[in-house]
Amino acid sequence: MAASKRVQFISHFLSRLRGYLVKGDTVQSSEKLYKAAEECVKALSERLRLPEVKDADEKGRWTVTLLERAVRKLSDKIGIDVQLGWDATNHLHV
């Protein structure tokens, strides 16, 4: 997916997240936050050309295992905040 399309996708989820927060719907808010975080991981993985992108293309989708591997590699390259953010988002989602 093109980077600009992925950013639009992230913006869409964040916009919906705000709407659910206003309504007090914590379940849907958590779901939209997770989807936005997932798209951020994918976008950063594509930008940094991580091998997980090719693996996801070959499988036809991103799996939780691929996302987790990508998060670990992104944390090594960018910083621990990637892992901390992913962990917090994943905790809310579960």
PDB file of N, CA and C in Angstrom:
ATOM      1  N   MET A   1       0.851  -1.171   0.000  1.00  0.00           N
ATOM      2  CA  MET A   1       0.000   0.000   0.000  1.00  0.00           C
ATOM      3  C   MET A   1       0.896   1.232   0.000  1.00  0.00           C
ATOM      4  N   ALA A   2       0.509   2.232  -0.749  1.00  0.00           N
ATOM      5  CA  ALA A   2       1.278   3.475  -0.815  1.00  0.00           C
ATOM      6  C   ALA A   2       1.254   4.178   0.540  1.00  0.00           C
ATOM      7  N   ALA A   3       2.342   4.873   0.845  1.00  0.00           N
ATOM      8  CA  ALA A   3       2.468   5.544   2.145  1.00  0.00           C
ATOM      9  C   ALA A   3       1.334   6.542   2.376  1.00  0.00           C
ATOM     10  N   SER A   4       0.971   7.302   1.351  1.00  0.00           N
ATOM     11  CA  SER A   4      -0.088   8.304   1.524  1.00  0.00           C
ATOM     12  C   SER A   4      -1.427   7.631   1.830  1.00  0.00           C
ATOM     13  N   LYS A   5      -1.683   6.504   1.205  1.00  0.00           N
ATOM     14  CA  LYS A   5      -2.915   5.758   1.462  1.00  0.00           C
ATOM     15  C   LYS A   5      -2.912   5.214   2.888  1.00  0.00           C
ATOM     16  N   ARG A   6      -1.763   4.725   3.336  1.00  0.00           N
ATOM     17  CA  ARG A   6      -1.655   4.192   4.690  1.00  0.00           C
ATOM     18  C   ARG A   6      -1.891   5.309   5.717  1.00  0.00           C
ATOM     19  N   VAL A   7      -1.345   6.504   5.469  1.00  0.00           N
ATOM     20  CA  VAL A   7      -1.546   7.640   6.382  1.00  0.00           C
ATOM     21  C   VAL A   7      -3.029   8.021   6.428  1.00  0.00           C
ATOM     22  N   GLN A   8      -3.698   7.983   5.303  1.00  0.00           N
ATOM     23  CA  GLN A   8      -5.140   8.265   5.277  1.00  0.00           C
ATOM     24  C   GLN A   8      -5.902   7.227   6.099  1.00  0.00           C
ATOM     25  N   PHE A   9      -5.487   5.988   5.986  1.00  0.00           N
ATOM     26  CA  PHE A   9      -6.101   4.899   6.736  1.00  0.00           C
ATOM     27  C   PHE A   9      -5.931   5.131   8.239  1.00  0.00           C
ATOM     28  N   ILE A  10      -4.725   5.516   8.647  1.00  0.00           N
ATOM     29  CA  ILE A  10      -4.443   5.803  10.063  1.00  0.00           C
ATOM     30  C   ILE A  10      -5.307   6.964  10.539  1.00  0.00           C
ATOM     31  N   SER A  11      -5.374   8.014   9.753  1.00  0.00           N
ATOM     32  CA  SER A  11      -6.206   9.180  10.100  1.00  0.00           C
ATOM     33  C   SER A  11      -7.667   8.795  10.256  1.00  0.00           C
ATOM     34  N   HIS A  12      -8.137   7.924   9.380  1.00  0.00           N
ATOM     35  CA  HIS A  12      -9.521   7.450   9.445  1.00  0.00           C
ATOM     36  C   HIS A  12      -9.789   6.754  10.783  1.00  0.00           C
ATOM     37  N   PHE A  13      -8.896   5.844  11.174  1.00  0.00           N
ATOM     38  CA  PHE A  13      -9.089   5.143  12.435  1.00  0.00           C
ATOM     39  C   PHE A  13      -9.029   6.089  13.631  1.00  0.00           C
ATOM     40  N   LEU A  14      -8.126   7.057  13.590  1.00  0.00           N
ATOM     41  CA  LEU A  14      -8.022   8.014  14.697  1.00  0.00           C
ATOM     42  C   LEU A  14      -9.260   8.896  14.784  1.00  0.00           C
ATOM     43  N   SER A  15      -9.817   9.263  13.644  1.00  0.00           N
ATOM     44  CA  SER A  15     -11.042  10.049  13.617  1.00  0.00           C
ATOM     45  C   SER A  15     -12.203   9.259  14.228  1.00  0.00           C
ATOM     46  N   ARG A  16     -12.315   8.003  13.833  1.00  0.00           N
ATOM     47  CA  ARG A  16     -13.371   7.161  14.399  1.00  0.00           C
ATOM     48  C   ARG A  16     -13.155   6.934  15.886  1.00  0.00           C
ATOM     49  N   LEU A  17     -11.882   6.808  16.282  1.00  0.00           N
ATOM     50  CA  LEU A  17     -11.545   6.641  17.697  1.00  0.00           C
ATOM     51  C   LEU A  17     -12.087   7.815  18.506  1.00  0.00           C
ATOM     52  N   ARG A  18     -11.861   9.031  18.023  1.00  0.00           N
ATOM     53  CA  ARG A  18     -12.342  10.226  18.738  1.00  0.00           C
ATOM     54  C   ARG A  18     -13.862  10.178  18.913  1.00  0.00           C
ATOM     55  N   GLY A  19     -14.553   9.787  17.858  1.00  0.00           N
ATOM     56  CA  GLY A  19     -16.012   9.699  17.929  1.00  0.00           C
ATOM     57  C   GLY A  19     -16.480   8.710  18.984  1.00  0.00           C
ATOM     58  N   TYR A  20     -15.837   7.572  19.037  1.00  0.00           N
ATOM     59  CA  TYR A  20     -16.212   6.567  20.036  1.00  0.00           C
ATOM     60  C   TYR A  20     -15.859   7.023  21.454  1.00  0.00           C
ATOM     61  N   LEU A  21     -14.768   7.760  21.595  1.00  0.00           N
ATOM     62  CA  LEU A  21     -14.404   8.272  22.915  1.00  0.00           C
ATOM     63  C   LEU A  21     -15.464   9.245  23.425  1.00  0.00           C
ATOM     64  N   VAL A  22     -15.937  10.106  22.534  1.00  0.00           N
ATOM     65  CA  VAL A  22     -16.979  11.069  22.905  1.00  0.00           C
ATOM     66  C   VAL A  22     -18.239  10.339  23.369  1.00  0.00           C
ATOM     67  N   LYS A  23     -18.553   9.234  22.706  1.00  0.00           N
ATOM     68  CA  LYS A  23     -19.740   8.439  23.058  1.00  0.00           C
ATOM     69  C   LYS A  23     -19.516   7.578  24.295  1.00  0.00           C
ATOM     70  N   GLY A  24     -18.276   7.465  24.739  1.00  0.00           N
ATOM     71  CA  GLY A  24     -17.966   6.628  25.897  1.00  0.00           C
ATOM     72  C   GLY A  24     -17.884   5.147  25.568  1.00  0.00           C
ATOM     73  N   ASP A  25     -17.707   4.825  24.295  1.00  0.00           N
ATOM     74  CA  ASP A  25     -17.616   3.422  23.860  1.00  0.00           C
ATOM     75  C   ASP A  25     -16.153   2.983  23.903  1.00  0.00           C
ATOM     76  N   THR A  26     -15.760   2.459  25.051  1.00  0.00           N
ATOM     77  CA  THR A  26     -14.358   2.093  25.249  1.00  0.00           C
ATOM     78  C   THR A  26     -13.937   0.885  24.417  1.00  0.00           C
ATOM     79  N   VAL A  27     -14.854  -0.026  24.164  1.00  0.00           N
ATOM     80  CA  VAL A  27     -14.515  -1.210  23.379  1.00  0.00           C
ATOM     81  C   VAL A  27     -14.151  -0.803  21.947  1.00  0.00           C
ATOM     82  N   GLN A  28     -15.014  -0.017  21.314  1.00  0.00           N
ATOM     83  CA  GLN A  28     -14.733   0.417  19.949  1.00  0.00           C
ATOM     84  C   GLN A  28     -13.541   1.374  19.903  1.00  0.00           C
ATOM     85  N   SER A  29     -13.375   2.190  20.927  1.00  0.00           N
ATOM     86  CA  SER A  29     -12.221   3.093  20.989  1.00  0.00           C
ATOM     87  C   SER A  29     -10.930   2.288  20.993  1.00  0.00           C
ATOM     88  N   SER A  30     -10.891   1.241  21.800  1.00  0.00           N
ATOM     89  CA  SER A  30      -9.700   0.388  21.880  1.00  0.00           C
ATOM     90  C   SER A  30      -9.427  -0.294  20.550  1.00  0.00           C
ATOM     91  N   GLU A  31     -10.487  -0.742  19.894  1.00  0.00           N
ATOM     92  CA  GLU A  31     -10.336  -1.411  18.602  1.00  0.00           C
ATOM     93  C   GLU A  31      -9.749  -0.460  17.550  1.00  0.00           C
ATOM     94  N   LYS A  32     -10.240   0.757  17.505  1.00  0.00           N
ATOM     95  CA  LYS A  32      -9.754   1.729  16.516  1.00  0.00           C
ATOM     96  C   LYS A  32      -8.312   2.150  16.827  1.00  0.00           C
ATOM     97  N   LEU A  33      -7.977   2.262  18.107  1.00  0.00           N
ATOM     98  CA  LEU A  33      -6.606   2.585  18.488  1.00  0.00           C
ATOM     99  C   LEU A  33      -5.660   1.474  18.041  1.00  0.00           C
ATOM    100  N   TYR A  34      -6.065   0.224  18.247  1.00  0.00           N
ATOM    101  CA  TYR A  34      -5.244  -0.903  17.825  1.00  0.00           C
ATOM    102  C   TYR A  34      -5.034  -0.881  16.311  1.00  0.00           C
ATOM    103  N   LYS A  35      -6.107  -0.656  15.553  1.00  0.00           N
ATOM    104  CA  LYS A  35      -5.996  -0.653  14.095  1.00  0.00           C
ATOM    105  C   LYS A  35      -5.070   0.478  13.627  1.00  0.00           C
ATOM    106  N   ALA A  36      -5.146   1.639  14.270  1.00  0.00           N
ATOM    107  CA  ALA A  36      -4.248   2.746  13.916  1.00  0.00           C
ATOM    108  C   ALA A  36      -2.802   2.366  14.220  1.00  0.00           C
ATOM    109  N   ALA A  37      -2.562   1.764  15.367  1.00  0.00           N
ATOM    110  CA  ALA A  37      -1.204   1.337  15.735  1.00  0.00           C
ATOM    111  C   ALA A  37      -0.689   0.273  14.769  1.00  0.00           C
ATOM    112  N   GLU A  38      -1.552  -0.653  14.396  1.00  0.00           N
ATOM    113  CA  GLU A  38      -1.183  -1.704  13.452  1.00  0.00           C
ATOM    114  C   GLU A  38      -0.755  -1.089  12.113  1.00  0.00           C
ATOM    115  N   GLU A  39      -1.512  -0.115  11.649  1.00  0.00           N
ATOM    116  CA  GLU A  39      -1.172   0.544  10.385  1.00  0.00           C
ATOM    117  C   GLU A  39       0.132   1.336  10.498  1.00  0.00           C
ATOM    118  N   CYS A  40       0.396   1.908  11.665  1.00  0.00           N
ATOM    119  CA  CYS A  40       1.667   2.617  11.885  1.00  0.00           C
ATOM    120  C   CYS A  40       2.842   1.643  11.796  1.00  0.00           C
ATOM    121  N   VAL A  41       2.682   0.469  12.395  1.00  0.00           N
ATOM    122  CA  VAL A  41       3.736  -0.547  12.336  1.00  0.00           C
ATOM    123  C   VAL A  41       3.974  -0.953  10.891  1.00  0.00           C
ATOM    124  N   LYS A  42       2.905  -1.159  10.147  1.00  0.00           N
ATOM    125  CA  LYS A  42       3.036  -1.544   8.738  1.00  0.00           C
ATOM    126  C   LYS A  42       3.725  -0.437   7.935  1.00  0.00           C
ATOM    127  N   ALA A  43       3.314   0.813   8.164  1.00  0.00           N
ATOM    128  CA  ALA A  43       3.893   1.939   7.425  1.00  0.00           C
ATOM    129  C   ALA A  43       5.384   2.083   7.724  1.00  0.00           C
ATOM    130  N   LEU A  44       5.759   2.004   8.992  1.00  0.00           N
ATOM    131  CA  LEU A  44       7.171   2.109   9.360  1.00  0.00           C
ATOM    132  C   LEU A  44       7.967   0.928   8.810  1.00  0.00           C
ATOM    133  N   SER A  45       7.369  -0.244   8.832  1.00  0.00           N
ATOM    134  CA  SER A  45       8.033  -1.438   8.297  1.00  0.00           C
ATOM    135  C   SER A  45       8.288  -1.288   6.806  1.00  0.00           C
ATOM    136  N   GLU A  46       7.306  -0.746   6.095  1.00  0.00           N
ATOM    137  CA  GLU A  46       7.470  -0.519   4.659  1.00  0.00           C
ATOM    138  C   GLU A  46       8.560   0.524   4.410  1.00  0.00           C
ATOM    139  N   ARG A  47       8.515   1.592   5.187  1.00  0.00           N
ATOM    140  CA  ARG A  47       9.481   2.685   5.013  1.00  0.00           C
ATOM    141  C   ARG A  47      10.905   2.207   5.263  1.00  0.00           C
ATOM    142  N   LEU A  48      11.086   1.357   6.266  1.00  0.00           N
ATOM    143  CA  LEU A  48      12.418   0.867   6.623  1.00  0.00           C
ATOM    144  C   LEU A  48      12.759  -0.442   5.923  1.00  0.00           C
ATOM    145  N   ARG A  49      11.876  -0.866   5.055  1.00  0.00           N
ATOM    146  CA  ARG A  49      12.084  -2.070   4.236  1.00  0.00           C
ATOM    147  C   ARG A  49      12.417  -3.311   5.073  1.00  0.00           C
ATOM    148  N   LEU A  50      11.625  -3.525   6.094  1.00  0.00           N
ATOM    149  CA  LEU A  50      11.816  -4.715   6.924  1.00  0.00           C
ATOM    150  C   LEU A  50      11.369  -5.957   6.149  1.00  0.00           C
ATOM    151  N   PRO A  51      12.009  -7.086   6.388  1.00  0.00           N
ATOM    152  CA  PRO A  51      11.646  -8.322   5.671  1.00  0.00           C
ATOM    153  C   PRO A  51      10.229  -8.799   5.968  1.00  0.00           C
ATOM    154  N   GLU A  52       9.651  -8.344   7.057  1.00  0.00           N
ATOM    155  CA  GLU A  52       8.287  -8.739   7.406  1.00  0.00           C
ATOM    156  C   GLU A  52       7.277  -8.265   6.363  1.00  0.00           C
ATOM    157  N   VAL A  53       7.598  -7.184   5.674  1.00  0.00           N
ATOM    158  CA  VAL A  53       6.712  -6.680   4.618  1.00  0.00           C
ATOM    159  C   VAL A  53       6.608  -7.711   3.500  1.00  0.00           C
ATOM    160  N   LYS A  54       7.753  -8.238   3.085  1.00  0.00           N
ATOM    161  CA  LYS A  54       7.765  -9.269   2.037  1.00  0.00           C
ATOM    162  C   LYS A  54       7.040 -10.521   2.519  1.00  0.00           C
ATOM    163  N   ASP A  55       7.268 -10.898   3.775  1.00  0.00           N
ATOM    164  CA  ASP A  55       6.601 -12.072   4.335  1.00  0.00           C
ATOM    165  C   ASP A  55       5.081 -11.890   4.331  1.00  0.00           C
ATOM    166  N   ALA A  56       4.629 -10.692   4.695  1.00  0.00           N
ATOM    167  CA  ALA A  56       3.188 -10.403   4.702  1.00  0.00           C
ATOM    168  C   ALA A  56       2.630 -10.450   3.280  1.00  0.00           C
ATOM    169  N   ASP A  57       3.372  -9.920   2.332  1.00  0.00           N
ATOM    170  CA  ASP A  57       2.942  -9.974   0.931  1.00  0.00           C
ATOM    171  C   ASP A  57       2.815 -11.415   0.452  1.00  0.00           C
ATOM    172  N   GLU A  58       3.781 -12.232   0.815  1.00  0.00           N
ATOM    173  CA  GLU A  58       3.753 -13.641   0.404  1.00  0.00           C
ATOM    174  C   GLU A  58       2.587 -14.393   1.032  1.00  0.00           C
ATOM    175  N   LYS A  59       2.271 -14.062   2.289  1.00  0.00           N
ATOM    176  CA  LYS A  59       1.150 -14.711   2.977  1.00  0.00           C
ATOM    177  C   LYS A  59      -0.191 -14.123   2.551  1.00  0.00           C
ATOM    178  N   GLY A  60      -0.142 -12.920   2.003  1.00  0.00           N
ATOM    179  CA  GLY A  60      -1.378 -12.242   1.620  1.00  0.00           C
ATOM    180  C   GLY A  60      -2.005 -11.449   2.748  1.00  0.00           C
ATOM    181  N   ARG A  61      -1.321 -11.382   3.887  1.00  0.00           N
ATOM    182  CA  ARG A  61      -1.825 -10.612   5.032  1.00  0.00           C
ATOM    183  C   ARG A  61      -0.740 -10.512   6.101  1.00  0.00           C
ATOM    184  N   TRP A  62      -0.941  -9.578   7.011  1.00  0.00           N
ATOM    185  CA  TRP A  62      -0.077  -9.436   8.165  1.00  0.00           C
ATOM    186  C   TRP A  62      -0.645 -10.304   9.275  1.00  0.00           C
ATOM    187  N   THR A  63       0.196 -11.120   9.868  1.00  0.00           N
ATOM    188  CA  THR A  63      -0.220 -11.918  11.022  1.00  0.00           C
ATOM    189  C   THR A  63       0.267 -11.236  12.293  1.00  0.00           C
ATOM    190  N   VAL A  64      -0.273 -11.664  13.415  1.00  0.00           N
ATOM    191  CA  VAL A  64       0.179 -11.119  14.700  1.00  0.00           C
ATOM    192  C   VAL A  64       1.667 -11.388  14.881  1.00  0.00           C
ATOM    193  N   THR A  65       2.119 -12.556  14.477  1.00  0.00           N
ATOM    194  CA  THR A  65       3.540 -12.907  14.593  1.00  0.00           C
ATOM    195  C   THR A  65       4.413 -11.947  13.791  1.00  0.00           C
ATOM    196  N   LEU A  66       3.994 -11.643  12.566  1.00  0.00           N
ATOM    197  CA  LEU A  66       4.765 -10.699  11.744  1.00  0.00           C
ATOM    198  C   LEU A  66       4.760  -9.302  12.352  1.00  0.00           C
ATOM    199  N   LEU A  67       3.614  -8.875  12.865  1.00  0.00           N
ATOM    200  CA  LEU A  67       3.534  -7.556  13.505  1.00  0.00           C
ATOM    201  C   LEU A  67       4.469  -7.489  14.715  1.00  0.00           C
ATOM    202  N   GLU A  68       4.451  -8.528  15.528  1.00  0.00           N
ATOM    203  CA  GLU A  68       5.310  -8.556  16.724  1.00  0.00           C
ATOM    204  C   GLU A  68       6.792  -8.522  16.344  1.00  0.00           C
ATOM    205  N   ARG A  69       7.172  -9.285  15.323  1.00  0.00           N
ATOM    206  CA  ARG A  69       8.569  -9.270  14.860  1.00  0.00           C
ATOM    207  C   ARG A  69       8.940  -7.885  14.349  1.00  0.00           C
ATOM    208  N   ALA A  70       8.040  -7.281  13.594  1.00  0.00           N
ATOM    209  CA  ALA A  70       8.304  -5.942  13.058  1.00  0.00           C
ATOM    210  C   ALA A  70       8.454  -4.926  14.193  1.00  0.00           C
ATOM    211  N   VAL A  71       7.611  -5.026  15.201  1.00  0.00           N
ATOM    212  CA  VAL A  71       7.694  -4.102  16.345  1.00  0.00           C
ATOM    213  C   VAL A  71       9.053  -4.220  17.025  1.00  0.00           C
ATOM    214  N   ARG A  72       9.525  -5.451  17.225  1.00  0.00           N
ATOM    215  CA  ARG A  72      10.847  -5.636  17.861  1.00  0.00           C
ATOM    216  C   ARG A  72      11.952  -4.998  17.022  1.00  0.00           C
ATOM    217  N   LYS A  73      11.902  -5.207  15.711  1.00  0.00           N
ATOM    218  CA  LYS A  73      12.928  -4.632  14.837  1.00  0.00           C
ATOM    219  C   LYS A  73      12.821  -3.111  14.787  1.00  0.00           C
ATOM    220  N   LEU A  74      11.597  -2.597  14.763  1.00  0.00           N
ATOM    221  CA  LEU A  74      11.409  -1.140  14.757  1.00  0.00           C
ATOM    222  C   LEU A  74      11.929  -0.536  16.058  1.00  0.00           C
ATOM    223  N   SER A  75      11.716  -1.217  17.158  1.00  0.00           N
ATOM    224  CA  SER A  75      12.222  -0.731  18.446  1.00  0.00           C
ATOM    225  C   SER A  75      13.742  -0.655  18.443  1.00  0.00           C
ATOM    226  N   ASP A  76      14.378  -1.652  17.839  1.00  0.00           N
ATOM    227  CA  ASP A  76      15.842  -1.642  17.739  1.00  0.00           C
ATOM    228  C   ASP A  76      16.323  -0.470  16.884  1.00  0.00           C
ATOM    229  N   LYS A  77      15.596  -0.174  15.817  1.00  0.00           N
ATOM    230  CA  LYS A  77      16.019   0.875  14.885  1.00  0.00           C
ATOM    231  C   LYS A  77      15.605   2.281  15.320  1.00  0.00           C
ATOM    232  N   ILE A  78      14.409   2.399  15.915  1.00  0.00           N
ATOM    233  CA  ILE A  78      13.847   3.720  16.222  1.00  0.00           C
ATOM    234  C   ILE A  78      13.929   4.054  17.701  1.00  0.00           C
ATOM    235  N   GLY A  79      13.668   3.054  18.536  1.00  0.00           N
ATOM    236  CA  GLY A  79      13.700   3.287  19.974  1.00  0.00           C
ATOM    237  C   GLY A  79      12.623   2.498  20.697  1.00  0.00           C
ATOM    238  N   ILE A  80      12.778   2.397  21.979  1.00  0.00           N
ATOM    239  CA  ILE A  80      11.907   1.588  22.835  1.00  0.00           C
ATOM    240  C   ILE A  80      10.464   2.076  22.833  1.00  0.00           C
ATOM    241  N   ASP A  81      10.224   3.341  22.490  1.00  0.00           N
ATOM    242  CA  ASP A  81       8.858   3.863  22.481  1.00  0.00           C
ATOM    243  C   ASP A  81       7.948   3.090  21.529  1.00  0.00           C
ATOM    244  N   VAL A  82       8.510   2.536  20.469  1.00  0.00           N
ATOM    245  CA  VAL A  82       7.709   1.728  19.547  1.00  0.00           C
ATOM    246  C   VAL A  82       7.158   0.515  20.295  1.00  0.00           C
ATOM    247  N   GLN A  83       8.018  -0.181  21.016  1.00  0.00           N
ATOM    248  CA  GLN A  83       7.582  -1.367  21.770  1.00  0.00           C
ATOM    249  C   GLN A  83       6.614  -0.980  22.880  1.00  0.00           C
ATOM    250  N   LEU A  84       6.906   0.082  23.595  1.00  0.00           N
ATOM    251  CA  LEU A  84       6.037   0.508  24.689  1.00  0.00           C
ATOM    252  C   LEU A  84       4.653   0.902  24.178  1.00  0.00           C
ATOM    253  N   GLY A  85       4.622   1.633  23.073  1.00  0.00           N
ATOM    254  CA  GLY A  85       3.347   2.026  22.483  1.00  0.00           C
ATOM    255  C   GLY A  85       2.554   0.825  22.001  1.00  0.00           C
ATOM    256  N   TRP A  86       3.242  -0.104  21.343  1.00  0.00           N
ATOM    257  CA  TRP A  86       2.576  -1.309  20.857  1.00  0.00           C
ATOM    258  C   TRP A  86       2.028  -2.130  22.029  1.00  0.00           C
ATOM    259  N   ASP A  87       2.830  -2.287  23.057  1.00  0.00           N
ATOM    260  CA  ASP A  87       2.393  -3.068  24.221  1.00  0.00           C
ATOM    261  C   ASP A  87       1.156  -2.449  24.869  1.00  0.00           C
ATOM    262  N   ALA A  88       1.164  -1.136  25.026  1.00  0.00           N
ATOM    263  CA  ALA A  88       0.019  -0.451  25.643  1.00  0.00           C
ATOM    264  C   ALA A  88      -1.232  -0.591  24.779  1.00  0.00           C
ATOM    265  N   THR A  89      -1.069  -0.403  23.490  1.00  0.00           N
ATOM    266  CA  THR A  89      -2.200  -0.515  22.576  1.00  0.00           C
ATOM    267  C   THR A  89      -2.735  -1.948  22.557  1.00  0.00           C
ATOM    268  N   ASN A  90      -1.829  -2.896  22.497  1.00  0.00           N
ATOM    269  CA  ASN A  90      -2.236  -4.303  22.464  1.00  0.00           C
ATOM    270  C   ASN A  90      -2.955  -4.689  23.762  1.00  0.00           C
ATOM    271  N   HIS A  91      -2.482  -4.159  24.893  1.00  0.00           N
ATOM    272  CA  HIS A  91      -3.107  -4.440  26.185  1.00  0.00           C
ATOM    273  C   HIS A  91      -4.554  -3.933  26.191  1.00  0.00           C
ATOM    274  N   LEU A  92      -4.764  -2.718  25.705  1.00  0.00           N
ATOM    275  CA  LEU A  92      -6.120  -2.171  25.643  1.00  0.00           C
ATOM    276  C   LEU A  92      -7.009  -2.980  24.706  1.00  0.00           C
ATOM    277  N   HIS A  93      -6.425  -3.429  23.616  1.00  0.00           N
ATOM    278  CA  HIS A  93      -7.185  -4.185  22.614  1.00  0.00           C
ATOM    279  C   HIS A  93      -7.657  -5.529  23.167  1.00  0.00           C
ATOM    280  N   VAL A  94      -6.772  -6.179  23.916  1.00  0.00           N
ATOM    281  CA  VAL A  94      -7.113  -7.503  24.467  1.00  0.00           C
ATOM    282  C   VAL A  94      -8.056  -7.329  25.628  1.00  0.00           C
TER     283      VAL A  94
END
